[in-house]
């Protein structure tokens, strides 16, 4: 009889339970206490601590690696604020800082042999928005003749901002 009731219940899917099929109350286990005293949590905390130390070390390495960029920008800013520098001295000093920065970024072999128009094209090739080419005649006069032509206009702020922009955005 029980077999027939079970067969009817499952085969015909009769949703009406009978008294013979009632199982009684469900016995629930007691709740498991949640604590951090197990070995697994200690391992997780240790791995997180190691990960944070490694991450902090990588951030510190990256910060130290880019120190020369911050130093170059600070040096250009101090050159910009000096009032006793002539435009020729300012251009030569800033280009020296740019050359030093480029040698640290791209290597001595690629940068050291560049001068004149090749050097200006190199600066423009690394940052497309730098536009040192527009000041090429002024730069070349300042470097090689140590004078500026009276007809040439030199904007100190624009040139220093261009140089700082190049240091911040050149492809490394």
Protein backbone atom coordinates (compact mmCIF):
# COMPACT_ATOMS: atom_id res chain seq x y z
CA UNK A 1 0.00 0.00 0.00
CA UNK A 2 2.79 2.36 0.89
CA UNK A 3 4.45 1.55 -2.38
CA UNK A 4 1.33 2.47 -4.25
CA UNK A 5 1.04 5.79 -2.43
CA UNK A 6 4.68 6.62 -3.17
CA UNK A 7 4.26 5.56 -6.77
CA UNK A 8 1.21 7.77 -7.16
CA UNK A 9 2.96 10.66 -5.44
CA UNK A 10 6.04 10.55 -7.67
CA UNK A 11 4.61 9.21 -10.86
CA UNK A 12 1.48 11.23 -11.07
CA UNK A 13 2.96 13.98 -8.94
CA UNK A 14 0.09 14.19 -6.58
CA UNK A 15 0.94 17.18 -4.37
CA UNK A 16 -1.42 16.17 -1.61
CA UNK A 17 0.62 14.40 1.03
CA UNK A 18 -0.87 11.63 3.01
CA UNK A 19 -0.46 11.01 6.70
CA UNK A 20 1.74 8.00 6.13
CA UNK A 21 4.32 10.11 4.27
CA UNK A 22 4.78 12.82 6.90
CA UNK A 23 8.33 12.78 8.22
CA UNK A 24 8.03 15.06 11.22
CA UNK A 25 9.82 18.22 12.27
CA UNK A 26 13.17 19.15 10.76
CA UNK A 27 15.99 18.99 13.27
CA UNK A 28 18.33 21.96 12.79
CA UNK A 29 21.92 21.78 13.97
CA UNK A 30 23.24 24.36 16.41
CA UNK A 31 24.88 27.38 14.70
CA UNK A 32 28.61 27.17 14.09
CA UNK A 33 30.46 29.96 15.93
CA UNK A 34 32.40 32.37 13.69
CA UNK A 35 35.86 33.16 15.05
CA UNK A 36 39.25 34.09 13.60
CA UNK A 37 41.06 31.49 15.69
CA UNK A 38 41.43 28.85 12.99
CA UNK A 39 44.61 28.25 11.01
CA UNK A 40 43.03 29.25 7.69
CA UNK A 41 42.37 32.81 8.86
CA UNK A 42 45.94 33.16 10.09
CA UNK A 43 47.20 32.10 6.68
CA UNK A 44 44.86 34.56 4.94
CA UNK A 45 45.99 37.43 7.19
CA UNK A 46 49.64 36.52 6.63
CA UNK A 47 49.18 36.46 2.84
CA UNK A 48 47.40 39.82 2.91
CA UNK A 49 50.22 41.30 5.00
CA UNK A 50 52.85 39.95 2.60
CA UNK A 51 50.87 41.30 -0.37
CA UNK A 52 50.66 44.76 1.22
CA UNK A 53 54.40 44.79 1.95
CA UNK A 54 55.23 43.77 -1.64
CA UNK A 55 52.81 46.34 -3.03
CA UNK A 56 54.27 49.07 -0.82
CA UNK A 57 57.79 48.13 -1.91
CA UNK A 58 56.81 48.28 -5.61
CA UNK A 59 55.23 51.71 -5.12
CA UNK A 60 58.37 52.91 -3.34
CA UNK A 61 60.58 51.56 -6.14
CA UNK A 62 58.47 53.35 -8.76
CA UNK A 63 58.65 56.56 -6.72
CA UNK A 64 62.45 56.36 -6.46
CA UNK A 65 62.75 55.46 -10.15
CA UNK A 66 61.00 58.69 -11.15
CA UNK A 67 62.96 60.90 -8.75
CA UNK A 68 65.09 62.30 -11.58
CA UNK A 69 61.93 63.63 -13.26
CA UNK A 70 60.84 65.49 -10.14
CA UNK A 71 64.36 66.88 -9.72
CA UNK A 72 64.45 68.08 -13.33
CA UNK A 73 61.08 69.81 -13.03
CA UNK A 74 62.15 71.48 -9.79
CA UNK A 75 65.37 72.68 -11.41
CA UNK A 76 63.50 74.17 -14.38
CA UNK A 77 61.09 75.92 -12.02
CA UNK A 78 63.99 77.48 -10.09
CA UNK A 79 65.61 78.56 -13.37
CA UNK A 80 62.31 80.14 -14.40
CA UNK A 81 62.15 82.18 -11.20
CA UNK A 82 65.71 83.47 -11.43
CA UNK A 83 65.63 87.03 -12.70
CA UNK A 84 69.40 87.40 -13.19
CA UNK A 85 69.50 84.89 -16.08
CA UNK A 86 69.48 86.21 -19.62
CA UNK A 87 67.26 84.41 -22.15
CA UNK A 88 70.35 82.79 -23.69
CA UNK A 89 71.52 81.42 -20.33
CA UNK A 90 67.99 80.24 -19.53
CA UNK A 91 67.66 78.38 -22.84
CA UNK A 92 71.08 76.74 -22.44
CA UNK A 93 70.37 75.73 -18.84
CA UNK A 94 66.96 74.28 -19.63
CA UNK A 95 68.26 72.37 -22.65
CA UNK A 96 71.03 70.95 -20.46
CA UNK A 97 68.38 69.69 -18.01
CA UNK A 98 66.34 68.24 -20.89
CA UNK A 99 69.39 66.48 -22.32
CA UNK A 100 70.25 65.01 -18.92
CA UNK A 101 66.67 63.82 -18.45
CA UNK A 102 66.57 62.31 -21.95
CA UNK A 103 69.85 60.46 -21.34
CA UNK A 104 68.47 58.95 -18.15
CA UNK A 105 65.25 57.93 -19.91
CA UNK A 106 66.48 56.77 -23.31
CA UNK A 107 70.13 55.97 -22.72
CA UNK A 108 73.38 57.65 -23.60
CA UNK A 109 73.76 55.89 -26.96
CA UNK A 110 70.53 57.26 -28.35
CA UNK A 111 70.71 60.81 -26.96
CA UNK A 112 74.34 61.89 -26.51
CA UNK A 113 75.10 62.31 -30.21
CA UNK A 114 72.07 64.49 -30.93
CA UNK A 115 72.56 68.22 -31.42
CA UNK A 116 71.06 71.11 -33.35
CA UNK A 117 68.00 70.35 -35.44
CA UNK A 118 68.30 66.61 -34.77
CA UNK A 119 68.02 67.28 -31.02
CA UNK A 120 64.93 69.44 -31.50
CA UNK A 121 63.33 66.83 -33.77
CA UNK A 122 64.10 64.20 -31.12
CA UNK A 123 62.33 66.28 -28.45
CA UNK A 124 59.30 66.76 -30.70
CA UNK A 125 59.20 63.08 -31.65
CA UNK A 126 58.88 61.94 -28.04
CA UNK A 127 56.03 64.31 -27.14
CA UNK A 128 53.82 65.33 -30.04
CA UNK A 129 52.43 68.42 -28.30
CA UNK A 130 55.79 69.89 -27.25
CA UNK A 131 56.38 71.95 -30.46
CA UNK A 132 60.05 72.85 -29.89
CA UNK A 133 60.26 73.18 -33.67
CA UNK A 134 58.47 76.54 -33.50
CA UNK A 135 61.34 77.94 -31.38
CA UNK A 136 64.09 76.23 -33.39
CA UNK A 137 65.79 79.41 -34.64
CA UNK A 138 65.77 80.97 -31.17
CA UNK A 139 67.14 77.78 -29.59
CA UNK A 140 69.87 77.34 -32.17
CA UNK A 141 70.93 81.00 -31.90
CA UNK A 142 71.08 80.72 -28.11
CA UNK A 143 73.12 77.52 -28.19
CA UNK A 144 75.59 78.17 -31.00
CA UNK A 145 75.80 81.98 -31.24
CA UNK A 146 75.16 82.74 -27.55
CA UNK A 147 72.87 85.58 -28.56
CA UNK A 148 69.32 86.18 -29.68
CA UNK A 149 68.38 88.15 -32.75
CA UNK A 150 66.56 91.41 -32.05
CA UNK A 151 63.73 90.33 -34.33
CA UNK A 152 63.17 87.06 -32.50
CA UNK A 153 60.60 86.95 -29.76
CA UNK A 154 61.27 84.69 -26.82
CA UNK A 155 58.60 83.87 -24.27
CA UNK A 156 60.32 82.62 -21.11
CA UNK A 157 57.15 81.23 -19.53
CA UNK A 158 56.06 79.41 -22.66
CA UNK A 159 59.49 77.83 -23.15
CA UNK A 160 59.77 76.65 -19.53
CA UNK A 161 56.20 75.30 -19.57
CA UNK A 162 56.99 73.45 -22.81
CA UNK A 163 60.07 71.93 -21.20
CA UNK A 164 58.20 70.88 -18.06
CA UNK A 165 55.45 69.37 -20.22
CA UNK A 166 58.09 67.40 -22.16
CA UNK A 167 59.58 65.98 -18.94
CA UNK A 168 56.18 64.97 -17.63
CA UNK A 169 54.93 63.33 -20.84
CA UNK A 170 57.90 61.93 -22.76
CA UNK A 171 57.58 58.25 -23.60
CA UNK A 172 59.66 56.22 -21.20
